[in-house]
Amino acid sequence: MYDCAIIGTGPAGLSAALNLKIHNKSVIWVGSSTLSDKVSKAEQISNYPGFINASGKDLSEAFGRQVKEMGLEITDGMVSSVYPMDDHYAIAVGSEFYEAKTVILATGIVSKATLKGEDGLLGLGVSYCATCDGMLYRGKTIAVICSNPRFEHEVKFLSELASKVYLYTSYKNVGEMGENVEILTARPTGINGDDHVTGISLSDGTEIAVDGVFILRESIAPTTLLPGIELDGGHIAVNRSMETNMKGCYAAGDCTGRPYQYTKAVGEGNVAAHSVIDYLGK
């Protein structure tokens, strides 16, 4: 049982992890081992204290050095669900489950809207976790929507199970795939089915029959990740202590709303960590 699970490896998650490490709290920190693409791809950062007109690469490398020097460990993966228990939380990362007394959501913002039919068919043929649900589609036909090359190993895993995979990526230069993987050029616009997935609709007007759809995104909508979490205008609602409406659950960074600034995210991660420390002390 960890003291805290931090979900997200951007500036807010890093700030929270550093502060909890300093206070000797046990942490499971889940996200990308390369930290934040948003930071590393920034052309110039002018409002981060101590860095004068730094590039995103400069700041990202500084973050990486601090992670290493502080001995912080990142569990590289994507959290598909957070389950409230009686006095703690269970966190699903792929096929693994971790337990923590508290949670800090530092997930950033979901940059893409859900597809038509996605929410209603979640768990009925729509999945966000290849290793969790892949075995259900052995020998079947599936569609996979992939937002980042770092998820391509999951696509390959699914292709070893399914008889046919229709793959759409939101990036170019897709890695080498198996013969049963067909790359789609038209963008998926909807997921079809009543009580279970039957197919997908594409932007060119065609429909493809599939048995299931796997959506591999950088982040999942907060209400899908943790049902019952309260929102405010699409962002996670928090108070000045970064508390959400759920006991022992905190949020920090872009997921709590504007301004979408690294300095704001770092500050909120710090506050969330100290709120966790106070909560654990009680």
Protein backbone atom coordinates (compact mmCIF):
# COMPACT_ATOMS: atom_id res chain seq x y z
CA MET A 1 0.00 0.00 0.00
CA TYR A 2 1.53 3.29 -1.12
CA ASP A 3 0.96 6.58 0.64
CA CYS A 4 0.11 8.25 -2.67
CA ALA A 5 -0.42 7.47 -6.32
CA ILE A 6 0.53 10.32 -8.65
CA ILE A 7 -0.96 10.07 -12.12
CA GLY A 8 0.91 12.14 -14.70
CA THR A 9 4.58 13.01 -15.21
CA GLY A 10 4.27 16.63 -16.29
CA PRO A 11 5.41 19.58 -14.15
CA ALA A 12 2.55 19.15 -11.64
CA GLY A 13 3.23 15.46 -11.16
CA LEU A 14 6.96 16.06 -10.86
CA SER A 15 6.47 18.79 -8.27
CA ALA A 16 4.19 16.54 -6.21
CA ALA A 17 6.60 13.60 -6.47
CA LEU A 18 9.57 15.72 -5.35
CA ASN A 19 7.77 17.07 -2.30
CA LEU A 20 6.44 13.69 -1.21
CA LYS A 21 9.91 12.17 -1.68
CA ILE A 22 11.44 14.87 0.53
CA HIS A 23 8.85 14.05 3.20
CA ASN A 24 9.64 10.32 3.02
CA LYS A 25 6.26 9.25 1.67
CA SER A 26 5.95 6.12 -0.44
CA VAL A 27 4.76 6.93 -3.95
CA ILE A 28 3.72 5.11 -7.11
CA TRP A 29 4.22 7.64 -9.91
CA VAL A 30 2.66 6.65 -13.22
CA GLY A 31 3.08 8.22 -16.64
CA SER A 32 5.59 8.62 -19.44
CA SER A 33 9.21 7.94 -18.51
CA THR A 34 10.18 10.78 -20.88
CA LEU A 35 8.06 13.20 -18.79
CA SER A 36 6.04 15.81 -20.68
CA ASP A 37 6.00 16.10 -24.48
CA LYS A 38 4.29 19.47 -24.05
CA VAL A 39 7.32 20.79 -22.17
CA SER A 40 10.00 19.25 -24.36
CA LYS A 41 8.43 20.55 -27.58
CA ALA A 42 7.98 24.15 -26.38
CA GLU A 43 9.96 26.59 -28.52
CA GLN A 44 10.74 29.11 -25.79
CA ILE A 45 9.78 29.52 -22.13
CA SER A 46 10.12 33.03 -20.70
CA ASN A 47 8.16 32.93 -17.44
CA TYR A 48 9.73 30.03 -15.54
CA PRO A 49 11.83 31.38 -12.63
CA GLY A 50 15.53 30.65 -12.99
CA PHE A 51 15.35 29.92 -16.73
CA ILE A 52 15.87 32.90 -19.04
CA ASN A 53 14.30 32.33 -22.46
CA ALA A 54 14.92 28.61 -22.15
CA SER A 55 13.79 26.09 -24.71
CA GLY A 56 11.40 23.35 -23.74
CA LYS A 57 14.23 20.90 -24.28
CA ASP A 58 16.37 22.75 -21.72
CA LEU A 59 13.65 22.67 -19.10
CA SER A 60 12.76 19.04 -19.82
CA GLU A 61 16.39 17.99 -19.48
CA ALA A 62 16.62 19.85 -16.16
CA PHE A 63 13.51 18.01 -14.97
CA GLY A 64 15.07 14.70 -16.03
CA ARG A 65 18.29 15.40 -14.14
CA GLN A 66 16.35 16.20 -10.99
CA VAL A 67 14.29 13.02 -11.29
CA LYS A 68 17.51 11.01 -11.51
CA GLU A 69 19.34 12.87 -8.74
CA MET A 70 16.38 12.57 -6.35
CA GLY A 71 16.04 8.87 -7.05
CA LEU A 72 12.44 9.16 -8.23
CA GLU A 73 11.01 6.15 -10.01
CA ILE A 74 8.42 6.36 -12.79
CA THR A 75 6.11 3.48 -13.65
CA ASP A 76 5.88 3.91 -17.40
CA GLY A 77 2.30 3.24 -18.36
CA MET A 78 -1.19 4.62 -18.62
CA VAL A 79 -3.76 4.51 -15.85
CA SER A 80 -7.04 3.27 -17.28
CA SER A 81 -9.14 3.40 -14.10
CA VAL A 82 -9.07 4.61 -10.51
CA TYR A 83 -11.35 2.75 -8.11
CA PRO A 84 -12.39 4.28 -4.76
CA MET A 85 -12.25 1.69 -1.98
CA ASP A 86 -13.35 2.10 1.66
CA ASP A 87 -10.26 3.99 2.82
CA HIS A 88 -7.94 3.97 -0.19
CA TYR A 89 -7.80 3.76 -3.99
CA ALA A 90 -6.98 0.99 -6.45
CA ILE A 91 -5.23 2.12 -9.63
CA ALA A 92 -5.27 0.03 -12.82
CA VAL A 93 -2.12 0.35 -14.93
CA GLY A 94 -2.34 -2.06 -17.83
CA SER A 95 -3.01 -5.46 -16.29
CA GLU A 96 -1.47 -4.44 -12.96
CA PHE A 97 -3.25 -2.99 -9.93
CA TYR A 98 -1.71 -0.78 -7.26
CA GLU A 99 -3.21 0.47 -4.00
CA ALA A 100 -2.63 3.88 -2.43
CA LYS A 101 -4.09 5.79 0.49
CA THR A 102 -4.35 8.96 -1.60
CA VAL A 103 -4.29 10.01 -5.26
CA ILE A 104 -3.03 13.12 -7.04
CA LEU A 105 -4.45 13.57 -10.53
CA ALA A 106 -1.93 15.46 -12.67
CA THR A 107 -3.23 14.18 -15.98
CA GLY A 108 -3.15 17.36 -18.04
CA ILE A 109 -6.04 18.01 -20.38
CA VAL A 110 -7.69 15.69 -22.85
CA SER A 111 -6.88 17.43 -26.12
CA LYS A 112 -9.26 15.37 -28.24
CA ALA A 113 -12.98 14.96 -27.75
CA THR A 114 -14.39 11.48 -27.40
CA LEU A 115 -15.79 9.85 -30.52
CA LYS A 116 -19.50 9.56 -31.11
CA GLY A 117 -20.63 6.39 -29.34
CA GLU A 118 -17.41 6.03 -27.33
CA ASP A 119 -18.77 6.84 -23.88
CA GLY A 120 -21.89 4.72 -24.25
CA LEU A 121 -19.97 1.66 -25.47
CA LEU A 122 -17.12 1.84 -22.94
CA GLY A 123 -16.83 -1.67 -21.53
CA LEU A 124 -19.09 -2.95 -24.30
CA GLY A 125 -16.40 -3.32 -26.93
CA VAL A 126 -14.56 -0.04 -26.31
CA SER A 127 -11.40 -0.34 -24.22
CA TYR A 128 -8.51 1.90 -23.19
CA CYS A 129 -6.29 -0.98 -22.05
CA ALA A 130 -4.71 -3.45 -24.47
CA THR A 131 -3.25 -5.78 -21.84
CA CYS A 132 -6.47 -5.77 -19.79
CA ASP A 133 -8.92 -6.65 -22.55
CA GLY A 134 -6.82 -7.88 -25.47
CA MET A 135 -7.41 -11.56 -24.72
CA LEU A 136 -11.16 -11.03 -25.24
CA TYR A 137 -10.49 -10.41 -28.93
CA ARG A 138 -8.31 -13.38 -29.79
CA GLY A 139 -9.04 -14.31 -33.39
CA LYS A 140 -11.42 -11.37 -33.86
CA THR A 141 -11.38 -8.13 -35.86
CA ILE A 142 -10.60 -4.90 -34.02
CA ALA A 143 -9.85 -1.25 -34.64
CA VAL A 144 -7.07 0.56 -32.78
CA ILE A 145 -6.80 4.34 -32.49
CA CYS A 146 -3.30 5.32 -31.36
CA SER A 147 -2.23 8.85 -30.40
CA ASN A 148 1.47 8.34 -29.67
CA PRO A 149 4.29 6.10 -30.96
CA ARG A 150 5.04 5.03 -27.38
CA PHE A 151 1.86 2.94 -27.47
CA GLU A 152 2.91 1.00 -30.57
CA HIS A 153 4.08 -1.96 -28.48
CA GLU A 154 0.46 -2.30 -27.34
CA VAL A 155 -0.71 -2.25 -30.96
CA LYS A 156 1.75 -5.06 -31.75
CA PHE A 157 0.50 -7.00 -28.72
CA LEU A 158 -3.07 -6.70 -29.97
CA SER A 159 -2.05 -7.71 -33.50
CA GLU A 160 -0.65 -10.96 -32.10
CA LEU A 161 -4.07 -11.78 -30.66
CA ALA A 162 -6.56 -10.46 -33.21
CA SER A 163 -7.00 -11.88 -36.68
CA LYS A 164 -7.30 -8.39 -38.20
CA VAL A 165 -6.40 -4.92 -36.93
CA TYR A 166 -7.48 -1.64 -38.51
CA LEU A 167 -5.04 0.97 -37.19
CA TYR A 168 -5.42 4.74 -37.27
CA THR A 169 -2.71 6.99 -35.84
CA SER A 170 -2.79 10.74 -35.31
CA TYR A 171 0.92 10.93 -36.23
CA LYS A 172 3.03 10.01 -39.25
CA ASN A 173 5.81 7.45 -39.66
CA VAL A 174 4.14 4.45 -38.08
CA GLY A 175 6.53 1.72 -37.00
CA GLU A 176 6.68 -1.70 -38.62
CA MET A 177 3.52 -3.70 -38.03
CA GLY A 178 2.41 -7.26 -38.74
CA GLU A 179 0.76 -8.37 -41.97
CA ASN A 180 -2.67 -8.42 -40.33
CA VAL A 181 -2.50 -4.67 -39.53
CA GLU A 182 -4.11 -2.34 -42.06
CA ILE A 183 -3.29 1.37 -41.71
CA LEU A 184 -6.33 3.61 -42.13
CA THR A 185 -5.93 6.97 -43.85
CA ALA A 186 -9.45 8.21 -43.10
CA ARG A 187 -10.08 9.41 -39.55
CA PRO A 188 -12.52 7.51 -37.33
CA THR A 189 -15.53 9.69 -36.52
CA GLY A 190 -17.74 7.35 -34.56
CA ILE A 191 -18.15 3.95 -32.95
CA ASN A 192 -21.25 1.97 -33.92
CA GLY A 193 -23.38 -0.45 -31.95
CA ASP A 194 -26.31 -0.62 -29.56
CA ASP A 195 -25.40 -2.92 -26.67
CA HIS A 196 -21.95 -3.81 -28.10
CA VAL A 197 -19.52 -2.48 -30.70
CA THR A 198 -20.34 -3.53 -34.25
CA GLY A 199 -18.12 -1.19 -36.27
CA ILE A 200 -16.54 2.22 -36.79
CA SER A 201 -17.43 5.11 -39.09
CA LEU A 202 -14.71 6.97 -40.99
CA SER A 203 -14.40 10.54 -42.22
CA ASP A 204 -14.67 9.41 -45.85
CA GLY A 205 -18.15 8.04 -45.18
CA THR A 206 -17.24 4.37 -45.07
CA GLU A 207 -18.02 1.97 -42.24
CA ILE A 208 -15.90 -0.98 -41.13
CA ALA A 209 -17.28 -3.92 -39.16
CA VAL A 210 -15.21 -4.68 -36.05
CA ASP A 211 -15.74 -6.62 -32.84
CA GLY A 212 -13.97 -4.10 -30.61
CA VAL A 213 -12.20 -0.75 -30.52
CA PHE A 214 -9.06 0.05 -28.52
CA ILE A 215 -8.33 3.74 -27.95
CA LEU A 216 -4.75 4.44 -26.85
CA ARG A 217 -4.61 8.11 -25.85
CA GLU A 218 -2.18 10.14 -23.77
CA SER A 219 -4.91 10.86 -21.24
CA ILE A 220 -8.46 9.86 -20.39
CA ALA A 221 -11.32 12.18 -19.49
CA PRO A 222 -11.46 12.63 -15.68
CA THR A 223 -15.01 11.33 -15.36
CA THR A 224 -14.04 8.18 -17.28
CA LEU A 225 -10.86 7.71 -15.25
CA LEU A 226 -12.61 8.25 -11.91
CA PRO A 227 -16.43 8.20 -12.09
CA GLY A 228 -17.96 10.56 -9.57
CA ILE A 229 -15.22 13.20 -9.77
CA GLU A 230 -16.77 16.66 -9.86
CA LEU A 231 -15.99 18.95 -12.80
CA ASP A 232 -16.11 22.69 -13.27
CA GLY A 233 -16.39 23.71 -16.91
CA GLY A 234 -14.73 20.53 -18.11
CA HIS A 235 -11.88 20.71 -15.60
CA ILE A 236 -11.53 18.94 -12.26
CA ALA A 237 -13.07 21.08 -9.52
CA VAL A 238 -10.67 21.77 -6.63
CA ASN A 239 -10.35 24.16 -3.70
CA ARG A 240 -7.21 26.07 -2.71
CA SER A 241 -5.83 22.92 -1.08
CA MET A 242 -6.25 21.11 -4.42
CA GLU A 243 -8.86 18.83 -2.84
CA THR A 244 -11.48 17.29 -5.12
CA ASN A 245 -14.94 16.23 -3.99
CA MET A 246 -13.58 12.74 -3.28
CA LYS A 247 -11.89 12.06 0.03
CA GLY A 248 -8.14 11.58 -0.30
CA CYS A 249 -8.12 12.61 -3.97
CA TYR A 250 -6.35 15.77 -5.16
CA ALA A 251 -5.68 17.32 -8.56
CA ALA A 252 -3.04 19.69 -9.94
CA GLY A 253 -1.91 21.25 -13.20
CA ASP A 254 -3.74 21.77 -16.48
CA CYS A 255 -6.50 19.33 -15.47
CA THR A 256 -7.74 21.88 -12.89
CA GLY A 257 -8.15 24.69 -15.44
CA ARG A 258 -6.48 27.76 -16.84
CA PRO A 259 -3.96 29.26 -17.04
CA TYR A 260 -2.17 26.34 -18.71
CA GLN A 261 1.24 27.41 -17.43
CA TYR A 262 4.16 25.34 -16.14
CA THR A 263 4.64 27.65 -13.17
CA LYS A 264 0.99 27.25 -12.16
CA ALA A 265 1.24 23.47 -12.51
CA VAL A 266 4.38 23.27 -10.36
CA GLY A 267 2.77 25.37 -7.63
CA GLU A 268 -0.38 23.28 -7.59
CA GLY A 269 1.64 20.06 -7.47
CA ASN A 270 3.44 21.42 -4.41
CA VAL A 271 0.16 22.33 -2.69
CA ALA A 272 -1.40 18.97 -3.54
CA ALA A 273 1.59 17.13 -2.05
CA HIS A 274 1.38 19.09 1.19
CA SER A 275 -2.36 18.45 1.37
CA VAL A 276 -1.62 14.73 1.02
CA ILE A 277 0.93 14.98 3.84
CA ASP A 278 -1.64 16.71 6.08
CA TYR A 279 -4.28 14.12 5.18
CA LEU A 280 -2.00 11.21 5.98
CA GLY A 281 -1.03 12.86 9.27
CA LYS A 282 -4.67 12.89 10.34
